[in-house]
Amino acid sequence: MASEFRRVAVIGSGSWGTAAAGLVARNSDEVCVWARTVAVADSICERHVNPKHLSDYVLPENVVATDSLEGAAAGADCIVVAVPSAFVRGVMHDLAPHADQSCPVVVLTKGVEGGSHKLMTDVVADELGNPSRVAALSGPNHAEEIWQGMVSAAVVAAGDAELALRLQSLFHSKTFRTYCSSDLTGVEVCAAAKNVVAIACGACAGNGMGDNALAVVMTRGLAEISRIVAAVGGDPMTCMGLAGMGDLVATCTSPHSRNRSFGELLSRGVTLAEYEERSGMVVEGARAAQSIWELASELSIETPLTNAVHAVLYENIGATEAFDLLLERSPRQEFYGLR
């Protein structure tokens, strides 16, 4: 599958940004990674190794890096966004003067902006303009496996079907299969909300609640995500695909999942700040728990799992008490709140 893109800018040098740079390097002439620090940028240029993330991965020869947003965007005919959700607006604001207005943008970041409740593609479009050229890619994509060439897949979602096809060709390979979707809203909501469910699954595992309980949390979590998707205008069927069920399974069960591993330690009294300082990684599900809880309250969406995670993180309620509140809920029809 030939790609039309010759020079790609990857904005973000975390684990996913680093793995994504390797993916798109297969289908483009040059990839330029924007890193926050000179040390990371120099290491990628000189040794093709990111010293902070996936440090065993030797990046392809056509991957370079810079700590300058202007330098990364110069001559780029595609931009890949892979910075943590809390920093997307600020980084895109700084990138805007240097980004070509017609250049396609694909967003890998998963989350809902606090306060505005905007999805990441909306935040990017706010700052870069021309929303019709902004797409999202999501799926069961642990960077720790992707750089090793292990099989994975993702969905590229865009309102413009032609744009989705163009970006599909940029990421697609034998071991990284890409599919297209027109449900940008549904794909992004799935991507953000599954991280909250993964924290709940980790807390279950940390409390020794067993495989049955994990399966219950995952399936009820999928139903909860479907209600959110439906309420904001997405297609609930998207929740059965790669961005929904696929990513949910990987994030809730994998030892690579920072949201799952954080949930395990949360149940044992480790705080969010302690975990992030220790791991050097951002727990996106903790931010999503706040913003999705706000969104659900505003739209009157029933989200018991999100409420429970939010209560533990932000309302000083213990994990055991939060689980008891879930178990005391009256049983309902299995599927409700969907169109």
Protein backbone atom coordinates (compact mmCIF):
# COMPACT_ATOMS: atom_id res chain seq x y z
CA MET A 1 0.00 0.00 0.00
CA ALA A 2 1.94 3.04 -1.27
CA SER A 3 1.83 6.30 0.68
CA GLU A 4 1.89 9.77 -0.86
CA PHE A 5 3.55 11.35 2.17
CA ARG A 6 7.25 12.15 1.81
CA ARG A 7 8.08 14.03 5.04
CA VAL A 8 6.15 13.39 8.24
CA ALA A 9 6.40 15.37 11.47
CA VAL A 10 5.71 13.37 14.64
CA ILE A 11 4.94 15.78 17.47
CA GLY A 12 5.85 13.97 20.68
CA SER A 13 8.67 11.62 21.64
CA GLY A 14 7.01 9.47 24.27
CA SER A 15 6.61 5.71 23.85
CA TRP A 16 3.75 5.96 21.37
CA GLY A 17 5.31 8.84 19.43
CA THR A 18 8.56 6.89 19.16
CA ALA A 19 6.84 3.71 17.98
CA ALA A 20 4.65 5.70 15.56
CA ALA A 21 7.75 7.32 14.05
CA GLY A 22 9.04 3.85 13.23
CA LEU A 23 5.70 2.87 11.72
CA VAL A 24 5.37 5.83 9.36
CA ALA A 25 9.08 5.68 8.45
CA ARG A 26 8.26 2.55 6.43
CA ASN A 27 5.94 4.52 4.16
CA SER A 28 7.64 7.92 3.91
CA ASP A 29 11.02 9.31 2.91
CA GLU A 30 11.78 11.16 6.14
CA VAL A 31 10.28 11.40 9.62
CA CYS A 32 11.13 14.25 11.97
CA VAL A 33 10.25 13.75 15.63
CA TRP A 34 9.69 16.79 17.85
CA ALA A 35 11.14 16.17 21.31
CA ARG A 36 10.80 18.44 24.30
CA THR A 37 14.50 18.26 25.18
CA VAL A 38 17.71 18.72 23.23
CA ALA A 39 19.14 15.54 24.77
CA VAL A 40 16.40 13.33 23.34
CA ALA A 41 16.52 15.03 19.94
CA ASP A 42 20.31 14.72 19.72
CA SER A 43 20.24 11.05 20.72
CA ILE A 44 17.68 10.23 18.02
CA CYS A 45 19.69 12.11 15.39
CA GLU A 46 23.06 10.67 16.37
CA ARG A 47 22.21 7.13 17.54
CA HIS A 48 18.61 6.64 16.34
CA VAL A 49 17.67 5.80 19.93
CA ASN A 50 15.26 7.58 22.27
CA PRO A 51 17.08 7.49 25.64
CA LYS A 52 13.89 8.03 27.67
CA HIS A 53 11.31 5.78 25.99
CA LEU A 54 11.69 2.42 24.22
CA SER A 55 15.43 2.80 24.66
CA ASP A 56 16.12 -0.67 23.20
CA TYR A 57 14.54 0.38 19.90
CA VAL A 58 16.92 1.43 17.13
CA LEU A 59 14.81 3.70 14.93
CA PRO A 60 15.03 3.51 11.14
CA GLU A 61 17.75 5.55 9.44
CA ASN A 62 15.22 7.97 7.93
CA VAL A 63 14.03 9.14 11.39
CA VAL A 64 15.57 12.37 12.72
CA ALA A 65 14.56 14.67 15.57
CA THR A 66 14.57 18.27 16.74
CA ASP A 67 13.50 20.24 19.80
CA SER A 68 12.11 22.97 17.50
CA LEU A 69 8.46 22.87 16.47
CA GLU A 70 9.31 25.08 13.52
CA GLY A 71 12.03 22.67 12.44
CA ALA A 72 9.76 19.65 12.79
CA ALA A 73 6.95 21.22 10.74
CA ALA A 74 9.20 22.61 8.00
CA GLY A 75 8.37 20.87 4.72
CA ALA A 76 6.07 18.33 6.40
CA ASP A 77 3.21 17.02 4.29
CA CYS A 78 1.64 15.21 7.26
CA ILE A 79 1.62 15.85 11.02
CA VAL A 80 1.20 13.10 13.61
CA VAL A 81 0.22 14.31 17.11
CA ALA A 82 1.38 12.13 20.01
CA VAL A 83 1.71 14.36 23.08
CA PRO A 84 -0.18 13.76 26.36
CA SER A 85 -3.74 15.09 26.34
CA ALA A 86 -3.07 17.78 28.97
CA PHE A 87 -0.45 19.36 26.70
CA VAL A 88 -2.16 19.06 23.31
CA ARG A 89 -3.70 22.55 23.24
CA GLY A 90 -0.53 24.32 24.32
CA VAL A 91 1.75 22.44 21.93
CA MET A 92 -0.66 22.89 19.02
CA HIS A 93 -0.92 26.60 19.78
CA ASP A 94 2.85 26.86 19.52
CA LEU A 95 2.92 24.70 16.38
CA ALA A 96 0.21 26.64 14.54
CA PRO A 97 2.39 29.43 13.07
CA HIS A 98 4.64 26.80 11.46
CA ALA A 99 2.11 24.23 10.19
CA ASP A 100 0.83 24.29 6.61
CA GLN A 101 -2.95 24.93 6.67
CA SER A 102 -3.61 22.16 4.16
CA CYS A 103 -1.34 19.56 5.78
CA PRO A 104 -3.26 16.46 7.03
CA VAL A 105 -3.08 15.91 10.78
CA VAL A 106 -3.64 12.55 12.48
CA VAL A 107 -4.11 12.57 16.25
CA LEU A 108 -2.87 9.61 18.30
CA THR A 109 -3.54 11.23 21.69
CA LYS A 110 -6.49 9.78 23.61
CA GLY A 111 -8.54 11.93 25.93
CA VAL A 112 -11.23 14.53 26.58
CA GLU A 113 -10.14 18.06 27.44
CA GLY A 114 -11.01 19.15 30.95
CA GLY A 115 -13.47 22.00 31.21
CA SER A 116 -14.38 22.22 27.52
CA HIS A 117 -15.08 18.45 27.22
CA LYS A 118 -13.69 18.62 23.69
CA LEU A 119 -12.19 15.58 21.97
CA MET A 120 -8.54 15.75 20.99
CA THR A 121 -9.22 16.29 17.28
CA ASP A 122 -11.43 19.26 18.20
CA VAL A 123 -8.66 20.72 20.36
CA VAL A 124 -6.16 20.28 17.53
CA ALA A 125 -8.56 21.85 15.03
CA ASP A 126 -9.17 24.79 17.37
CA GLU A 127 -5.48 25.62 17.35
CA LEU A 128 -4.36 24.55 13.86
CA GLY A 129 -7.53 25.43 11.92
CA ASN A 130 -9.08 23.62 8.94
CA PRO A 131 -10.83 20.85 10.92
CA SER A 132 -11.66 18.86 7.77
CA ARG A 133 -7.99 17.79 7.52
CA VAL A 134 -7.85 16.39 11.10
CA ALA A 135 -8.23 12.63 11.74
CA ALA A 136 -7.65 10.20 14.63
CA LEU A 137 -5.97 6.81 14.84
CA SER A 138 -6.80 4.39 17.63
CA GLY A 139 -6.72 0.71 18.50
CA PRO A 140 -4.98 -1.92 20.67
CA ASN A 141 -1.55 -0.39 20.16
CA HIS A 142 0.93 -0.91 22.98
CA ALA A 143 4.13 0.75 21.83
CA GLU A 144 6.20 -1.89 23.64
CA GLU A 145 4.97 -4.52 21.15
CA ILE A 146 4.71 -2.39 18.02
CA TRP A 147 8.39 -1.46 17.86
CA GLN A 148 9.23 -5.17 17.95
CA GLY A 149 7.09 -5.80 14.86
CA MET A 150 4.42 -7.74 16.73
CA VAL A 151 1.01 -7.84 15.05
CA SER A 152 -1.42 -5.03 15.81
CA ALA A 153 -4.15 -3.05 14.10
CA ALA A 154 -5.82 0.34 14.32
CA VAL A 155 -8.67 2.32 12.84
CA VAL A 156 -8.18 5.68 11.13
CA ALA A 157 -11.26 7.86 11.58
CA ALA A 158 -12.06 11.03 9.67
CA GLY A 159 -15.14 12.87 8.48
CA ASP A 160 -13.58 12.86 5.01
CA ALA A 161 -13.41 9.29 3.67
CA GLU A 162 -10.63 10.20 1.23
CA LEU A 163 -8.51 11.59 4.06
CA ALA A 164 -8.95 8.38 6.07
CA LEU A 165 -7.78 6.34 3.08
CA ARG A 166 -4.72 8.55 2.58
CA LEU A 167 -3.70 8.21 6.21
CA GLN A 168 -4.43 4.50 6.19
CA SER A 169 -1.68 4.06 3.61
CA LEU A 170 0.80 5.98 5.78
CA PHE A 171 0.49 3.60 8.76
CA HIS A 172 -0.38 0.29 7.11
CA SER A 173 2.09 -2.60 6.99
CA LYS A 174 2.04 -6.38 7.18
CA THR A 175 2.21 -6.32 10.97
CA PHE A 176 0.28 -3.09 11.59
CA ARG A 177 -3.06 -3.34 9.82
CA THR A 178 -5.16 -0.21 9.42
CA TYR A 179 -8.89 0.13 8.81
CA CYS A 180 -11.05 3.18 8.06
CA SER A 181 -14.04 4.70 9.83
CA SER A 182 -16.17 7.79 9.36
CA ASP A 183 -17.19 7.84 13.05
CA LEU A 184 -14.57 10.24 14.38
CA THR A 185 -16.60 11.01 17.51
CA GLY A 186 -17.17 7.37 18.41
CA VAL A 187 -13.55 6.39 17.88
CA GLU A 188 -12.27 9.22 20.06
CA VAL A 189 -14.75 8.62 22.89
CA CYS A 190 -13.81 4.93 22.95
CA ALA A 191 -10.13 5.83 23.02
CA ALA A 192 -10.55 8.09 26.05
CA ALA A 193 -13.14 6.19 28.07
CA LYS A 194 -11.48 2.77 27.92
CA ASN A 195 -8.59 4.14 29.99
CA VAL A 196 -10.99 4.81 32.87
CA VAL A 197 -12.31 1.24 32.69
CA ALA A 198 -8.72 -0.03 32.70
CA ILE A 199 -8.04 1.74 36.00
CA ALA A 200 -11.11 0.01 37.45
CA CYS A 201 -9.89 -3.36 36.13
CA GLY A 202 -6.47 -2.79 37.66
CA ALA A 203 -8.06 -1.96 41.01
CA CYS A 204 -10.09 -5.17 40.80
CA ALA A 205 -6.96 -7.18 40.11
CA GLY A 206 -5.12 -5.41 42.93
CA ASN A 207 -7.89 -6.43 45.30
CA GLY A 208 -7.73 -10.06 44.13
CA MET A 209 -11.30 -10.03 42.83
CA GLY A 210 -10.75 -12.77 40.21
CA ASP A 211 -11.21 -13.25 36.47
CA ASN A 212 -15.01 -13.22 36.57
CA ALA A 213 -15.01 -9.78 38.17
CA LEU A 214 -12.55 -8.47 35.56
CA ALA A 215 -14.80 -9.76 32.78
CA VAL A 216 -17.79 -8.07 34.40
CA VAL A 217 -15.99 -4.74 34.67
CA MET A 218 -14.83 -4.92 31.05
CA THR A 219 -18.22 -5.79 29.59
CA ARG A 220 -20.15 -3.34 31.74
CA GLY A 221 -17.47 -0.82 30.88
CA LEU A 222 -18.09 -1.41 27.19
CA ALA A 223 -21.81 -0.79 27.73
CA GLU A 224 -20.96 2.42 29.61
CA ILE A 225 -18.70 3.61 26.80
CA SER A 226 -21.51 2.85 24.31
CA ARG A 227 -23.90 5.09 26.26
CA ILE A 228 -21.40 7.94 26.18
CA VAL A 229 -20.79 7.48 22.46
CA ALA A 230 -24.52 7.49 21.74
CA ALA A 231 -25.11 10.58 23.88
CA VAL A 232 -22.52 12.68 22.05
CA GLY A 233 -23.62 11.66 18.57
CA GLY A 234 -21.33 8.75 17.73
CA ASP A 235 -22.29 5.27 16.51
CA PRO A 236 -22.46 2.70 19.36
CA MET A 237 -21.42 0.01 16.85
CA THR A 238 -17.97 1.63 16.83
CA CYS A 239 -17.57 0.33 20.39
CA MET A 240 -17.45 -3.22 19.00
CA GLY A 241 -14.42 -2.40 16.84
CA LEU A 242 -10.70 -1.82 17.26
CA ALA A 243 -11.02 1.54 19.02
CA GLY A 244 -13.62 0.13 21.41
CA MET A 245 -13.50 -3.53 22.34
CA GLY A 246 -10.07 -4.08 20.80
CA ASP A 247 -8.36 -1.32 22.74
CA LEU A 248 -10.41 -2.04 25.86
CA VAL A 249 -9.23 -5.66 26.04
CA ALA A 250 -5.58 -4.71 25.53
CA THR A 251 -5.66 -1.84 28.01
CA CYS A 252 -7.53 -3.73 30.71
CA THR A 253 -5.42 -6.90 30.59
CA SER A 254 -1.89 -6.04 29.47
CA PRO A 255 1.08 -5.52 31.80
CA HIS A 256 2.14 -2.80 29.34
CA SER A 257 -0.96 -0.74 30.25
CA ARG A 258 -0.06 2.13 32.58
CA ASN A 259 -3.79 2.63 33.35
CA ARG A 260 -4.22 -0.99 34.42
CA SER A 261 -0.96 -1.03 36.42
CA PHE A 262 -1.86 2.28 38.08
CA GLY A 263 -5.24 0.83 39.08
CA GLU A 264 -3.52 -2.11 40.76
CA LEU A 265 -1.28 0.17 42.81
CA LEU A 266 -4.13 2.61 43.49
CA SER A 267 -5.99 -0.19 45.28
CA ARG A 268 -2.93 -0.56 47.51
CA GLY A 269 -2.74 3.12 48.43
CA VAL A 270 -0.32 4.50 45.83
CA THR A 271 -1.35 7.99 44.71
CA LEU A 272 -1.49 9.28 41.14
CA ALA A 273 1.39 11.68 41.77
CA GLU A 274 3.54 8.90 43.25
CA TYR A 275 2.85 6.57 40.33
CA GLU A 276 3.60 9.16 37.65
CA GLU A 277 6.79 10.28 39.36
CA ARG A 278 7.94 6.68 39.72
CA SER A 279 7.07 5.60 36.17
CA GLY A 280 7.81 8.84 34.33
CA MET A 281 4.56 8.36 32.39
CA VAL A 282 1.21 10.14 32.28
CA VAL A 283 -1.88 8.14 33.33
CA GLU A 284 -4.36 9.38 30.74
CA GLY A 285 -7.25 7.54 32.39
CA ALA A 286 -6.94 9.68 35.51
CA ARG A 287 -7.48 12.84 33.46
CA ALA A 288 -10.25 11.19 31.45
CA ALA A 289 -12.02 10.16 34.67
CA GLN A 290 -12.39 13.84 35.55
CA SER A 291 -13.40 15.16 32.13
CA ILE A 292 -15.76 12.26 31.30
CA TRP A 293 -17.34 12.49 34.75
CA GLU A 294 -18.00 16.19 34.06
CA LEU A 295 -19.39 15.41 30.61
CA ALA A 296 -21.63 12.63 31.92
CA SER A 297 -22.98 14.91 34.66
CA GLU A 298 -23.70 17.64 32.12
CA LEU A 299 -25.52 15.29 29.71
CA SER A 300 -27.12 13.04 32.38
CA ILE A 301 -25.37 9.90 31.13
CA GLU A 302 -25.31 7.00 33.57
CA THR A 303 -21.63 6.10 34.10
CA PRO A 304 -21.24 4.06 37.30
CA LEU A 305 -17.69 2.86 36.60
CA THR A 306 -16.47 6.35 35.74
CA ASN A 307 -18.19 7.65 38.86
CA ALA A 308 -16.42 5.03 40.98
CA VAL A 309 -12.96 5.77 39.56
CA HIS A 310 -13.60 9.51 39.93
CA ALA A 311 -14.67 9.02 43.54
CA VAL A 312 -11.45 7.18 44.42
CA LEU A 313 -9.20 9.66 42.61
CA TYR A 314 -10.87 12.95 43.45
CA GLU A 315 -13.43 12.47 46.23
CA ASN A 316 -11.35 10.75 48.91
CA ILE A 317 -13.35 7.51 48.76
CA GLY A 318 -11.48 4.22 49.26
CA ALA A 319 -11.39 1.61 46.50
CA THR A 320 -13.21 -0.96 48.64
CA GLU A 321 -16.02 1.50 49.40
CA ALA A 322 -16.31 2.41 45.71
CA PHE A 323 -16.64 -1.26 44.75
CA ASP A 324 -19.29 -1.78 47.43
CA LEU A 325 -21.30 1.11 45.98
CA LEU A 326 -21.13 -0.50 42.53
CA LEU A 327 -22.27 -3.88 43.86
CA GLU A 328 -25.19 -2.29 45.71
CA ARG A 329 -26.65 -0.83 42.51
CA SER A 330 -30.04 -2.20 41.45
CA PRO A 331 -29.82 -4.57 38.44
CA ARG A 332 -31.02 -3.17 35.09
CA GLN A 333 -31.60 -4.33 31.55
CA GLU A 334 -28.23 -5.35 30.11
CA PHE A 335 -28.31 -2.66 27.42
CA TYR A 336 -29.92 0.70 28.09
CA GLY A 337 -29.27 4.28 27.13
CA LEU A 338 -28.56 3.47 23.47
CA ARG A 339 -30.42 4.66 20.42
